[in-house]
Amino acid sequence: QVTEVLLFNLSNPELMTLQASYPEGYAKHLESALEANDKKEV
Protein backbone atom coordinates (compact mmCIF):
# COMPACT_ATOMS: atom_id res chain seq x y z
CA GLN A 1 0.00 0.00 0.00
CA VAL A 2 1.53 3.32 -1.11
CA THR A 3 0.48 6.95 -0.68
CA GLU A 4 2.15 9.34 -3.07
CA VAL A 5 1.95 13.06 -3.78
CA LEU A 6 1.74 13.71 -7.51
CA LEU A 7 2.44 17.09 -9.10
CA PHE A 8 0.48 18.56 -11.99
CA ASN A 9 0.90 21.84 -13.81
CA LEU A 10 0.11 23.52 -17.07
CA SER A 11 1.90 26.76 -17.84
CA ASN A 12 -0.18 29.81 -18.72
CA PRO A 13 0.65 29.40 -22.44
CA GLU A 14 -0.37 25.72 -22.27
CA LEU A 15 -3.58 26.58 -20.41
CA MET A 16 -4.56 29.43 -22.72
CA THR A 17 -3.91 27.31 -25.82
CA LEU A 18 -5.98 24.46 -24.43
CA GLN A 19 -8.78 26.74 -23.28
CA ALA A 20 -8.94 28.57 -26.61
CA SER A 21 -9.06 25.32 -28.60
CA TYR A 22 -12.66 24.63 -27.50
CA PRO A 23 -15.55 26.99 -28.36
CA GLU A 24 -16.86 27.04 -24.77
CA GLY A 25 -13.49 26.45 -23.09
CA TYR A 26 -11.89 23.23 -21.95
CA ALA A 27 -13.69 22.76 -18.61
CA LYS A 28 -17.11 23.25 -20.23
CA HIS A 29 -16.14 20.80 -22.98
CA LEU A 30 -15.36 18.13 -20.38
CA GLU A 31 -18.54 18.88 -18.42
CA SER A 32 -20.60 18.55 -21.62
CA ALA A 33 -18.95 15.23 -22.46
CA LEU A 34 -19.70 13.99 -18.93
CA GLU A 35 -23.32 15.15 -19.12
CA ALA A 36 -23.77 13.54 -22.55
CA ASN A 37 -22.19 10.34 -21.21
CA ASP A 38 -19.72 10.44 -24.12
CA LYS A 39 -17.32 7.94 -22.56
CA LYS A 40 -14.87 7.93 -25.46
CA GLU A 41 -14.43 11.73 -25.30
CA VAL A 42 -14.23 11.77 -21.49
PDB file of all heavy atoms in Angstrom:
ATOM      1  N   GLN A   1       0.859  -1.181   0.000  1.00  0.00           N
ATOM      2  CA  GLN A   1       0.000   0.000   0.000  1.00  0.00           C
ATOM      3  C   GLN A   1       0.899   1.237   0.000  1.00  0.00           C
ATOM      4  O   GLN A   1       1.801   1.352   0.833  1.00  0.00           O
ATOM      5  CB  GLN A   1      -0.917  -0.008   1.226  1.00  0.00           C
ATOM      6  CG  GLN A   1      -2.051   0.973   1.150  1.00  0.00           C
ATOM      7  CD  GLN A   1      -3.018   0.701   0.000  1.00  0.00           C
ATOM      8  OE1 GLN A   1      -3.202  -0.423  -0.435  1.00  0.00           O
ATOM      9  NE2 GLN A   1      -3.628   1.735  -0.518  1.00  0.00           N
ATOM     10  N   VAL A   2       0.681   2.143  -0.939  1.00  0.00           N
ATOM     11  CA  VAL A   2       1.525   3.324  -1.110  1.00  0.00           C
ATOM     12  C   VAL A   2       0.639   4.563  -1.156  1.00  0.00           C
ATOM     13  O   VAL A   2      -0.431   4.547  -1.750  1.00  0.00           O
ATOM     14  CB  VAL A   2       2.331   3.235  -2.431  1.00  0.00           C
ATOM     15  CG1 VAL A   2       3.164   4.483  -2.653  1.00  0.00           C
ATOM     16  CG2 VAL A   2       3.185   1.987  -2.466  1.00  0.00           C
ATOM     17  N   THR A   3       1.106   5.637  -0.536  1.00  0.00           N
ATOM     18  CA  THR A   3       0.481   6.946  -0.680  1.00  0.00           C
ATOM     19  C   THR A   3       1.541   7.865  -1.260  1.00  0.00           C
ATOM     20  O   THR A   3       2.655   7.938  -0.743  1.00  0.00           O
ATOM     21  CB  THR A   3      -0.037   7.479   0.661  1.00  0.00           C
ATOM     22  OG1 THR A   3      -1.033   6.579   1.154  1.00  0.00           O
ATOM     23  CG2 THR A   3      -0.642   8.868   0.513  1.00  0.00           C
ATOM     24  N   GLU A   4       1.183   8.537  -2.345  1.00  0.00           N
ATOM     25  CA  GLU A   4       2.155   9.344  -3.073  1.00  0.00           C
ATOM     26  C   GLU A   4       1.542  10.707  -3.404  1.00  0.00           C
ATOM     27  O   GLU A   4       0.356  10.810  -3.671  1.00  0.00           O
ATOM     28  CB  GLU A   4       2.516   8.604  -4.361  1.00  0.00           C
ATOM     29  CG  GLU A   4       3.592   9.234  -5.180  1.00  0.00           C
ATOM     30  CD  GLU A   4       3.978   8.366  -6.387  1.00  0.00           C
ATOM     31  OE1 GLU A   4       3.567   7.195  -6.471  1.00  0.00           O
ATOM     32  OE2 GLU A   4       4.682   8.896  -7.245  1.00  0.00           O
ATOM     33  N   VAL A   5       2.375  11.726  -3.384  1.00  0.00           N
ATOM     34  CA  VAL A   5       1.949  13.058  -3.783  1.00  0.00           C
ATOM     35  C   VAL A   5       2.416  13.271  -5.221  1.00  0.00           C
ATOM     36  O   VAL A   5       3.607  13.216  -5.510  1.00  0.00           O
ATOM     37  CB  VAL A   5       2.536  14.149  -2.852  1.00  0.00           C
ATOM     38  CG1 VAL A   5       2.145  15.534  -3.354  1.00  0.00           C
ATOM     39  CG2 VAL A   5       2.062  13.931  -1.423  1.00  0.00           C
ATOM     40  N   LEU A   6       1.459  13.481  -6.105  1.00  0.00           N
ATOM     41  CA  LEU A   6       1.745  13.707  -7.515  1.00  0.00           C
ATOM     42  C   LEU A   6       1.632  15.196  -7.811  1.00  0.00           C
ATOM     43  O   LEU A   6       0.816  15.892  -7.212  1.00  0.00           O
ATOM     44  CB  LEU A   6       0.747  12.938  -8.378  1.00  0.00           C
ATOM     45  CG  LEU A   6       0.654  11.435  -8.122  1.00  0.00           C
ATOM     46  CD1 LEU A   6      -0.494  10.835  -8.927  1.00  0.00           C
ATOM     47  CD2 LEU A   6       1.961  10.752  -8.460  1.00  0.00           C
ATOM     48  N   LEU A   7       2.438  15.671  -8.746  1.00  0.00           N
ATOM     49  CA  LEU A   7       2.438  17.088  -9.101  1.00  0.00           C
ATOM     50  C   LEU A   7       1.931  17.273 -10.532  1.00  0.00           C
ATOM     51  O   LEU A   7       2.330  16.545 -11.441  1.00  0.00           O
ATOM     52  CB  LEU A   7       3.851  17.662  -8.990  1.00  0.00           C
ATOM     53  CG  LEU A   7       4.523  17.540  -7.630  1.00  0.00           C
ATOM     54  CD1 LEU A   7       5.942  18.106  -7.688  1.00  0.00           C
ATOM     55  CD2 LEU A   7       3.711  18.241  -6.558  1.00  0.00           C
ATOM     56  N   PHE A   8       1.062  18.258 -10.692  1.00  0.00           N
ATOM     57  CA  PHE A   8       0.480  18.565 -11.994  1.00  0.00           C
ATOM     58  C   PHE A   8       0.552  20.064 -12.237  1.00  0.00           C
ATOM     59  O   PHE A   8       0.328  20.864 -11.326  1.00  0.00           O
ATOM     60  CB  PHE A   8      -0.983  18.104 -12.053  1.00  0.00           C
ATOM     61  CG  PHE A   8      -1.127  16.630 -11.864  1.00  0.00           C
ATOM     62  CD1 PHE A   8      -1.337  16.103 -10.601  1.00  0.00           C
ATOM     63  CD2 PHE A   8      -1.025  15.772 -12.938  1.00  0.00           C
ATOM     64  CE1 PHE A   8      -1.452  14.739 -10.413  1.00  0.00           C
ATOM     65  CE2 PHE A   8      -1.135  14.402 -12.760  1.00  0.00           C
ATOM     66  CZ  PHE A   8      -1.352  13.882 -11.500  1.00  0.00           C
ATOM     67  N   ASN A   9       0.842  20.427 -13.469  1.00  0.00           N
ATOM     68  CA  ASN A   9       0.897  21.841 -13.812  1.00  0.00           C
ATOM     69  C   ASN A   9       0.780  22.017 -15.319  1.00  0.00           C
ATOM     70  O   ASN A   9       1.296  21.223 -16.090  1.00  0.00           O
ATOM     71  CB  ASN A   9       2.222  22.458 -13.349  1.00  0.00           C
ATOM     72  CG  ASN A   9       2.249  23.957 -13.547  1.00  0.00           C
ATOM     73  OD1 ASN A   9       1.425  24.667 -12.998  1.00  0.00           O
ATOM     74  ND2 ASN A   9       3.185  24.439 -14.341  1.00  0.00           N
ATOM     75  N   LEU A  10       0.095  23.056 -15.695  1.00  0.00           N
ATOM     76  CA  LEU A  10       0.110  23.521 -17.071  1.00  0.00           C
ATOM     77  C   LEU A  10       0.506  24.986 -16.998  1.00  0.00           C
ATOM     78  O   LEU A  10      -0.050  25.738 -16.193  1.00  0.00           O
ATOM     79  CB  LEU A  10      -1.256  23.362 -17.740  1.00  0.00           C
ATOM     80  CG  LEU A  10      -1.707  21.937 -18.018  1.00  0.00           C
ATOM     81  CD1 LEU A  10      -3.146  21.916 -18.518  1.00  0.00           C
ATOM     82  CD2 LEU A  10      -0.795  21.259 -19.030  1.00  0.00           C
ATOM     83  N   SER A  11       1.474  25.368 -17.806  1.00  0.00           N
ATOM     84  CA  SER A  11       1.899  26.765 -17.836  1.00  0.00           C
ATOM     85  C   SER A  11       0.775  27.625 -18.388  1.00  0.00           C
ATOM     86  O   SER A  11      -0.167  27.118 -19.029  1.00  0.00           O
ATOM     87  CB  SER A  11       3.154  26.911 -18.702  1.00  0.00           C
ATOM     88  OG  SER A  11       2.826  26.638 -20.062  1.00  0.00           O
ATOM     89  N   ASN A  12       0.854  28.920 -18.174  1.00  0.00           N
ATOM     90  CA  ASN A  12      -0.176  29.808 -18.720  1.00  0.00           C
ATOM     91  C   ASN A  12      -0.300  29.672 -20.239  1.00  0.00           C
ATOM     92  O   ASN A  12      -1.422  29.596 -20.745  1.00  0.00           O
ATOM     93  CB  ASN A  12       0.078  31.254 -18.313  1.00  0.00           C
ATOM     94  CG  ASN A  12      -0.357  31.508 -16.891  1.00  0.00           C
ATOM     95  OD1 ASN A  12      -1.224  30.815 -16.359  1.00  0.00           O
ATOM     96  ND2 ASN A  12       0.233  32.489 -16.253  1.00  0.00           N
ATOM     97  N   PRO A  13       0.811  29.612 -20.994  1.00  0.00           N
ATOM     98  CA  PRO A  13       0.648  29.400 -22.435  1.00  0.00           C
ATOM     99  C   PRO A  13      -0.046  28.072 -22.765  1.00  0.00           C
ATOM    100  O   PRO A  13      -0.889  28.018 -23.666  1.00  0.00           O
ATOM    101  CB  PRO A  13       2.084  29.415 -22.971  1.00  0.00           C
ATOM    102  CG  PRO A  13       2.828  30.262 -21.988  1.00  0.00           C
ATOM    103  CD  PRO A  13       2.217  29.937 -20.652  1.00  0.00           C
ATOM    104  N   GLU A  14       0.287  27.008 -22.036  1.00  0.00           N
ATOM    105  CA  GLU A  14      -0.372  25.723 -22.269  1.00  0.00           C
ATOM    106  C   GLU A  14      -1.861  25.814 -21.941  1.00  0.00           C
ATOM    107  O   GLU A  14      -2.703  25.314 -22.689  1.00  0.00           O
ATOM    108  CB  GLU A  14       0.259  24.626 -21.405  1.00  0.00           C
ATOM    109  CG  GLU A  14       1.652  24.219 -21.834  1.00  0.00           C
ATOM    110  CD  GLU A  14       2.329  23.301 -20.823  1.00  0.00           C
ATOM    111  OE1 GLU A  14       2.197  23.529 -19.597  1.00  0.00           O
ATOM    112  OE2 GLU A  14       3.001  22.357 -21.272  1.00  0.00           O
ATOM    113  N   LEU A  15      -2.182  26.442 -20.830  1.00  0.00           N
ATOM    114  CA  LEU A  15      -3.577  26.583 -20.413  1.00  0.00           C
ATOM    115  C   LEU A  15      -4.380  27.415 -21.399  1.00  0.00           C
ATOM    116  O   LEU A  15      -5.492  27.044 -21.783  1.00  0.00           O
ATOM    117  CB  LEU A  15      -3.655  27.225 -19.027  1.00  0.00           C
ATOM    118  CG  LEU A  15      -3.292  26.328 -17.854  1.00  0.00           C
ATOM    119  CD1 LEU A  15      -3.095  27.161 -16.596  1.00  0.00           C
ATOM    120  CD2 LEU A  15      -4.365  25.285 -17.633  1.00  0.00           C
ATOM    121  N   MET A  16      -3.833  28.546 -21.805  1.00  0.00           N
ATOM    122  CA  MET A  16      -4.561  29.426 -22.720  1.00  0.00           C
ATOM    123  C   MET A  16      -4.772  28.759 -24.077  1.00  0.00           C
ATOM    124  O   MET A  16      -5.838  28.890 -24.682  1.00  0.00           O
ATOM    125  CB  MET A  16      -3.848  30.754 -22.860  1.00  0.00           C
ATOM    126  CG  MET A  16      -3.954  31.595 -21.590  1.00  0.00           C
ATOM    127  SD  MET A  16      -3.302  33.261 -21.750  1.00  0.00           S
ATOM    128  CE  MET A  16      -1.540  32.942 -21.757  1.00  0.00           C
ATOM    129  N   THR A  17      -3.769  28.028 -24.551  1.00  0.00           N
ATOM    130  CA  THR A  17      -3.908  27.311 -25.824  1.00  0.00           C
ATOM    131  C   THR A  17      -4.985  26.251 -25.723  1.00  0.00           C
ATOM    132  O   THR A  17      -5.848  26.135 -26.608  1.00  0.00           O
ATOM    133  CB  THR A  17      -2.562  26.670 -26.220  1.00  0.00           C
ATOM    134  OG1 THR A  17      -1.586  27.701 -26.367  1.00  0.00           O
ATOM    135  CG2 THR A  17      -2.688  25.875 -27.508  1.00  0.00           C
ATOM    136  N   LEU A  18      -4.969  25.496 -24.648  1.00  0.00           N
ATOM    137  CA  LEU A  18      -5.976  24.456 -24.429  1.00  0.00           C
ATOM    138  C   LEU A  18      -7.369  25.058 -24.295  1.00  0.00           C
ATOM    139  O   LEU A  18      -8.326  24.603 -24.927  1.00  0.00           O
ATOM    140  CB  LEU A  18      -5.614  23.651 -23.177  1.00  0.00           C
ATOM    141  CG  LEU A  18      -6.434  22.415 -22.875  1.00  0.00           C
ATOM    142  CD1 LEU A  18      -6.350  21.411 -24.020  1.00  0.00           C
ATOM    143  CD2 LEU A  18      -5.944  21.783 -21.585  1.00  0.00           C
ATOM    144  N   GLN A  19      -7.486  26.093 -23.512  1.00  0.00           N
ATOM    145  CA  GLN A  19      -8.782  26.741 -23.277  1.00  0.00           C
ATOM    146  C   GLN A  19      -9.347  27.320 -24.574  1.00  0.00           C
ATOM    147  O   GLN A  19     -10.534  27.192 -24.851  1.00  0.00           O
ATOM    148  CB  GLN A  19      -8.601  27.837 -22.213  1.00  0.00           C
ATOM    149  CG  GLN A  19      -9.875  28.424 -21.699  1.00  0.00           C
ATOM    150  CD  GLN A  19     -10.645  27.516 -20.762  1.00  0.00           C
ATOM    151  OE1 GLN A  19     -10.550  26.311 -20.790  1.00  0.00           O
ATOM    152  NE2 GLN A  19     -11.457  28.131 -19.936  1.00  0.00           N
ATOM    153  N   ALA A  20      -8.486  27.926 -25.368  1.00  0.00           N
ATOM    154  CA  ALA A  20      -8.937  28.569 -26.607  1.00  0.00           C
ATOM    155  C   ALA A  20      -9.256  27.562 -27.711  1.00  0.00           C
ATOM    156  O   ALA A  20      -9.900  27.905 -28.697  1.00  0.00           O
ATOM    157  CB  ALA A  20      -7.883  29.550 -27.095  1.00  0.00           C
ATOM    158  N   SER A  21      -8.839  26.315 -27.545  1.00  0.00           N
ATOM    159  CA  SER A  21      -9.064  25.324 -28.597  1.00  0.00           C
ATOM    160  C   SER A  21     -10.471  24.731 -28.572  1.00  0.00           C
ATOM    161  O   SER A  21     -10.824  23.949 -29.454  1.00  0.00           O
ATOM    162  CB  SER A  21      -8.011  24.214 -28.502  1.00  0.00           C
ATOM    163  OG  SER A  21      -8.143  23.503 -27.300  1.00  0.00           O
ATOM    164  N   TYR A  22     -11.278  25.098 -27.589  1.00  0.00           N
ATOM    165  CA  TYR A  22     -12.663  24.630 -27.497  1.00  0.00           C
ATOM    166  C   TYR A  22     -13.584  25.836 -27.483  1.00  0.00           C
ATOM    167  O   TYR A  22     -13.328  26.794 -26.748  1.00  0.00           O
ATOM    168  CB  TYR A  22     -12.878  23.798 -26.228  1.00  0.00           C
ATOM    169  CG  TYR A  22     -12.092  22.511 -26.239  1.00  0.00           C
ATOM    170  CD1 TYR A  22     -10.831  22.442 -25.672  1.00  0.00           C
ATOM    171  CD2 TYR A  22     -12.624  21.365 -26.836  1.00  0.00           C
ATOM    172  CE1 TYR A  22     -10.109  21.252 -25.693  1.00  0.00           C
ATOM    173  CE2 TYR A  22     -11.910  20.184 -26.857  1.00  0.00           C
ATOM    174  CZ  TYR A  22     -10.649  20.136 -26.288  1.00  0.00           C
ATOM    175  OH  TYR A  22      -9.937  18.967 -26.318  1.00  0.00           O
ATOM    176  N   PRO A  23     -14.664  25.821 -28.268  1.00  0.00           N
ATOM    177  CA  PRO A  23     -15.549  26.986 -28.359  1.00  0.00           C
ATOM    178  C   PRO A  23     -16.044  27.509 -27.007  1.00  0.00           C
ATOM    179  O   PRO A  23     -16.114  28.710 -26.806  1.00  0.00           O
ATOM    180  CB  PRO A  23     -16.715  26.488 -29.211  1.00  0.00           C
ATOM    181  CG  PRO A  23     -16.116  25.396 -30.040  1.00  0.00           C
ATOM    182  CD  PRO A  23     -15.081  24.748 -29.157  1.00  0.00           C
ATOM    183  N   GLU A  24     -16.362  26.605 -26.076  1.00  0.00           N
ATOM    184  CA  GLU A  24     -16.858  27.040 -24.765  1.00  0.00           C
ATOM    185  C   GLU A  24     -15.793  26.909 -23.679  1.00  0.00           C
ATOM    186  O   GLU A  24     -16.096  27.042 -22.504  1.00  0.00           O
ATOM    187  CB  GLU A  24     -18.091  26.215 -24.381  1.00  0.00           C
ATOM    188  CG  GLU A  24     -19.263  26.458 -25.293  1.00  0.00           C
ATOM    189  CD  GLU A  24     -20.485  25.683 -24.851  1.00  0.00           C
ATOM    190  OE1 GLU A  24     -20.723  25.553 -23.645  1.00  0.00           O
ATOM    191  OE2 GLU A  24     -21.201  25.209 -25.742  1.00  0.00           O
ATOM    192  N   GLY A  25     -14.558  26.640 -24.061  1.00  0.00           N
ATOM    193  CA  GLY A  25     -13.492  26.446 -23.092  1.00  0.00           C
ATOM    194  C   GLY A  25     -13.365  24.978 -22.723  1.00  0.00           C
ATOM    195  O   GLY A  25     -14.291  24.184 -22.901  1.00  0.00           O
ATOM    196  N   TYR A  26     -12.206  24.623 -22.225  1.00  0.00           N
ATOM    197  CA  TYR A  26     -11.894  23.226 -21.947  1.00  0.00           C
ATOM    198  C   TYR A  26     -12.788  22.626 -20.861  1.00  0.00           C
ATOM    199  O   TYR A  26     -13.325  21.537 -21.026  1.00  0.00           O
ATOM    200  CB  TYR A  26     -10.424  23.083 -21.540  1.00  0.00           C
ATOM    201  CG  TYR A  26     -10.060  21.659 -21.279  1.00  0.00           C
ATOM    202  CD1 TYR A  26      -9.674  20.832 -22.322  1.00  0.00           C
ATOM    203  CD2 TYR A  26     -10.138  21.113 -20.005  1.00  0.00           C
ATOM    204  CE1 TYR A  26      -9.359  19.511 -22.104  1.00  0.00           C
ATOM    205  CE2 TYR A  26      -9.835  19.789 -19.778  1.00  0.00           C
ATOM    206  CZ  TYR A  26      -9.438  18.995 -20.830  1.00  0.00           C
ATOM    207  OH  TYR A  26      -9.150  17.683 -20.605  1.00  0.00           O
ATOM    208  N   ALA A  27     -12.921  23.302 -19.729  1.00  0.00           N
ATOM    209  CA  ALA A  27     -13.693  22.761 -18.611  1.00  0.00           C
ATOM    210  C   ALA A  27     -15.139  22.500 -19.029  1.00  0.00           C
ATOM    211  O   ALA A  27     -15.710  21.452 -18.703  1.00  0.00           O
ATOM    212  CB  ALA A  27     -13.635  23.692 -17.409  1.00  0.00           C
ATOM    213  N   LYS A  28     -15.733  23.430 -19.765  1.00  0.00           N
ATOM    214  CA  LYS A  28     -17.114  23.254 -20.226  1.00  0.00           C
ATOM    215  C   LYS A  28     -17.204  22.082 -21.207  1.00  0.00           C
ATOM    216  O   LYS A  28     -18.179  21.326 -21.198  1.00  0.00           O
ATOM    217  CB  LYS A  28     -17.624  24.553 -20.864  1.00  0.00           C
ATOM    218  CG  LYS A  28     -19.066  24.490 -21.263  1.00  0.00           C
ATOM    219  CD  LYS A  28     -19.978  24.314 -20.072  1.00  0.00           C
ATOM    220  CE  LYS A  28     -21.427  24.274 -20.501  1.00  0.00           C
ATOM    221  NZ  LYS A  28     -22.313  23.781 -19.476  1.00  0.00           N
ATOM    222  N   HIS A  29     -16.173  21.928 -22.036  1.00  0.00           N
ATOM    223  CA  HIS A  29     -16.135  20.805 -22.978  1.00  0.00           C
ATOM    224  C   HIS A  29     -16.190  19.478 -22.217  1.00  0.00           C
ATOM    225  O   HIS A  29     -16.964  18.583 -22.568  1.00  0.00           O
ATOM    226  CB  HIS A  29     -14.878  20.870 -23.842  1.00  0.00           C
ATOM    227  CG  HIS A  29     -14.662  19.675 -24.696  1.00  0.00           C
ATOM    228  ND1 HIS A  29     -15.391  19.435 -25.842  1.00  0.00           N
ATOM    229  CD2 HIS A  29     -13.819  18.621 -24.563  1.00  0.00           C
ATOM    230  CE1 HIS A  29     -15.000  18.292 -26.381  1.00  0.00           C
ATOM    231  NE2 HIS A  29     -14.049  17.780 -25.623  1.00  0.00           N
ATOM    232  N   LEU A  30     -15.380  19.363 -21.171  1.00  0.00           N
ATOM    233  CA  LEU A  30     -15.365  18.134 -20.377  1.00  0.00           C
ATOM    234  C   LEU A  30     -16.696  17.930 -19.660  1.00  0.00           C
ATOM    235  O   LEU A  30     -17.240  16.825 -19.649  1.00  0.00           O
ATOM    236  CB  LEU A  30     -14.213  18.146 -19.373  1.00  0.00           C
ATOM    237  CG  LEU A  30     -14.087  16.899 -18.495  1.00  0.00           C
ATOM    238  CD1 LEU A  30     -13.939  15.636 -19.336  1.00  0.00           C
ATOM    239  CD2 LEU A  30     -12.916  17.055 -17.545  1.00  0.00           C
ATOM    240  N   GLU A  31     -17.239  18.993 -19.090  1.00  0.00           N
ATOM    241  CA  GLU A  31     -18.540  18.881 -18.422  1.00  0.00           C
ATOM    242  C   GLU A  31     -19.612  18.409 -19.401  1.00  0.00           C
ATOM    243  O   GLU A  31     -20.436  17.554 -19.057  1.00  0.00           O
ATOM    244  CB  GLU A  31     -18.951  20.233 -17.824  1.00  0.00           C
ATOM    245  CG  GLU A  31     -18.235  20.588 -16.548  1.00  0.00           C
ATOM    246  CD  GLU A  31     -18.696  21.925 -15.997  1.00  0.00           C
ATOM    247  OE1 GLU A  31     -19.918  22.192 -16.002  1.00  0.00           O
ATOM    248  OE2 GLU A  31     -17.824  22.701 -15.577  1.00  0.00           O
ATOM    249  N   SER A  32     -19.618  18.952 -20.607  1.00  0.00           N
ATOM    250  CA  SER A  32     -20.601  18.552 -21.617  1.00  0.00           C
ATOM    251  C   SER A  32     -20.444  17.080 -21.993  1.00  0.00           C
ATOM    252  O   SER A  32     -21.435  16.370 -22.154  1.00  0.00           O
ATOM    253  CB  SER A  32     -20.464  19.420 -22.870  1.00  0.00           C
ATOM    254  OG  SER A  32     -20.760  20.759 -22.565  1.00  0.00           O
ATOM    255  N   ALA A  33     -19.198  16.633 -22.139  1.00  0.00           N
ATOM    256  CA  ALA A  33     -18.950  15.227 -22.461  1.00  0.00           C
ATOM    257  C   ALA A  33     -19.438  14.328 -21.331  1.00  0.00           C
ATOM    258  O   ALA A  33     -20.016  13.264 -21.573  1.00  0.00           O
ATOM    259  CB  ALA A  33     -17.467  14.993 -22.737  1.00  0.00           C
ATOM    260  N   LEU A  34     -19.224  14.761 -20.092  1.00  0.00           N
ATOM    261  CA  LEU A  34     -19.698  13.992 -18.934  1.00  0.00           C
ATOM    262  C   LEU A  34     -21.225  13.940 -18.911  1.00  0.00           C
ATOM    263  O   LEU A  34     -21.820  12.879 -18.716  1.00  0.00           O
ATOM    264  CB  LEU A  34     -19.168  14.590 -17.629  1.00  0.00           C
ATOM    265  CG  LEU A  34     -17.699  14.344 -17.319  1.00  0.00           C
ATOM    266  CD1 LEU A  34     -17.215  15.283 -16.215  1.00  0.00           C
ATOM    267  CD2 LEU A  34     -17.465  12.892 -16.943  1.00  0.00           C
ATOM    268  N   GLU A  35     -21.865  15.092 -19.131  1.00  0.00           N
ATOM    269  CA  GLU A  35     -23.323  15.153 -19.119  1.00  0.00           C
ATOM    270  C   GLU A  35     -23.932  14.320 -20.242  1.00  0.00           C
ATOM    271  O   GLU A  35     -24.978  13.698 -20.071  1.00  0.00           O
ATOM    272  CB  GLU A  35     -23.790  16.601 -19.231  1.00  0.00           C
ATOM    273  CG  GLU A  35     -23.546  17.410 -17.976  1.00  0.00           C
ATOM    274  CD  GLU A  35     -23.805  18.901 -18.167  1.00  0.00           C
ATOM    275  OE1 GLU A  35     -24.278  19.314 -19.247  1.00  0.00           O
ATOM    276  OE2 GLU A  35     -23.509  19.660 -17.219  1.00  0.00           O
ATOM    277  N   ALA A  36     -23.275  14.295 -21.398  1.00  0.00           N
ATOM    278  CA  ALA A  36     -23.771  13.537 -22.547  1.00  0.00           C
ATOM    279  C   ALA A  36     -23.403  12.051 -22.447  1.00  0.00           C
ATOM    280  O   ALA A  36     -23.786  11.264 -23.312  1.00  0.00           O
ATOM    281  CB  ALA A  36     -23.208  14.120 -23.837  1.00  0.00           C
ATOM    282  N   ASN A  37     -22.655  11.714 -21.408  1.00  0.00           N
ATOM    283  CA  ASN A  37     -22.190  10.336 -21.205  1.00  0.00           C
ATOM    284  C   ASN A  37     -21.380   9.848 -22.407  1.00  0.00           C
ATOM    285  O   ASN A  37     -21.463   8.684 -22.801  1.00  0.00           O
ATOM    286  CB  ASN A  37     -23.362   9.400 -20.908  1.00  0.00           C
ATOM    287  CG  ASN A  37     -22.913   8.137 -20.205  1.00  0.00           C
ATOM    288  OD1 ASN A  37     -21.886   8.134 -19.522  1.00  0.00           O
ATOM    289  ND2 ASN A  37     -23.659   7.066 -20.372  1.00  0.00           N
ATOM    290  N   ASP A  38     -20.587  10.771 -22.989  1.00  0.00           N
ATOM    291  CA  ASP A  38     -19.717  10.444 -24.122  1.00  0.00           C
ATOM    292  C   ASP A  38     -18.416   9.870 -23.552  1.00  0.00           C
ATOM    293  O   ASP A  38     -17.425  10.576 -23.377  1.00  0.00           O
ATOM    294  CB  ASP A  38     -19.456  11.701 -24.953  1.00  0.00           C
ATOM    295  CG  ASP A  38     -18.646  11.421 -26.205  1.00  0.00           C
ATOM    296  OD1 ASP A  38     -18.061  10.326 -26.335  1.00  0.00           O
ATOM    297  OD2 ASP A  38     -18.593  12.330 -27.067  1.00  0.00           O
ATOM    298  N   LYS A  39     -18.439   8.588 -23.252  1.00  0.00           N
ATOM    299  CA  LYS A  39     -17.325   7.936 -22.564  1.00  0.00           C
ATOM    300  C   LYS A  39     -16.019   8.034 -23.339  1.00  0.00           C
ATOM    301  O   LYS A  39     -14.957   8.251 -22.756  1.00  0.00           O
ATOM    302  CB  LYS A  39     -17.674   6.486 -22.263  1.00  0.00           C
ATOM    303  CG  LYS A  39     -18.773   6.373 -21.236  1.00  0.00           C
ATOM    304  CD  LYS A  39     -19.178   4.947 -20.999  1.00  0.00           C
ATOM    305  CE  LYS A  39     -20.294   4.944 -19.970  1.00  0.00           C
ATOM    306  NZ  LYS A  39     -21.305   3.993 -20.225  1.00  0.00           N
ATOM    307  N   LYS A  40     -16.083   7.869 -24.635  1.00  0.00           N
ATOM    308  CA  LYS A  40     -14.868   7.934 -25.457  1.00  0.00           C
ATOM    309  C   LYS A  40     -14.198   9.303 -25.322  1.00  0.00           C
ATOM    310  O   LYS A  40     -12.986   9.400 -25.126  1.00  0.00           O
ATOM    311  CB  LYS A  40     -15.210   7.637 -26.921  1.00  0.00           C
ATOM    312  CG  LYS A  40     -14.015   7.627 -27.824  1.00  0.00           C
ATOM    313  CD  LYS A  40     -14.417   7.280 -29.246  1.00  0.00           C
ATOM    314  CE  LYS A  40     -13.216   7.306 -30.168  1.00  0.00           C
ATOM    315  NZ  LYS A  40     -13.575   6.990 -31.554  1.00  0.00           N
ATOM    316  N   GLU A  41     -14.982  10.367 -25.397  1.00  0.00           N
ATOM    317  CA  GLU A  41     -14.431  11.725 -25.297  1.00  0.00           C
ATOM    318  C   GLU A  41     -13.927  12.014 -23.882  1.00  0.00           C
ATOM    319  O   GLU A  41     -12.885  12.645 -23.706  1.00  0.00           O
ATOM    320  CB  GLU A  41     -15.466  12.760 -25.715  1.00  0.00           C
ATOM    321  CG  GLU A  41     -14.923  14.178 -25.769  1.00  0.00           C
ATOM    322  CD  GLU A  41     -13.799  14.360 -26.789  1.00  0.00           C
ATOM    323  OE1 GLU A  41     -13.691  13.593 -27.763  1.00  0.00           O
ATOM    324  OE2 GLU A  41     -13.003  15.299 -26.605  1.00  0.00           O
ATOM    325  N   VAL A  42     -14.656  11.553 -22.878  1.00  0.00           N
ATOM    326  CA  VAL A  42     -14.229  11.767 -21.486  1.00  0.00           C
ATOM    327  C   VAL A  42     -12.891  11.088 -21.239  1.00  0.00           C
ATOM    328  O   VAL A  42     -11.966  11.691 -20.689  1.00  0.00           O
ATOM    329  CB  VAL A  42     -15.292  11.251 -20.488  1.00  0.00           C
ATOM    330  CG1 VAL A  42     -14.751  11.234 -19.065  1.00  0.00           C
ATOM    331  CG2 VAL A  42     -16.545  12.107 -20.560  1.00  0.00           C
TER     332      VAL A  42
END
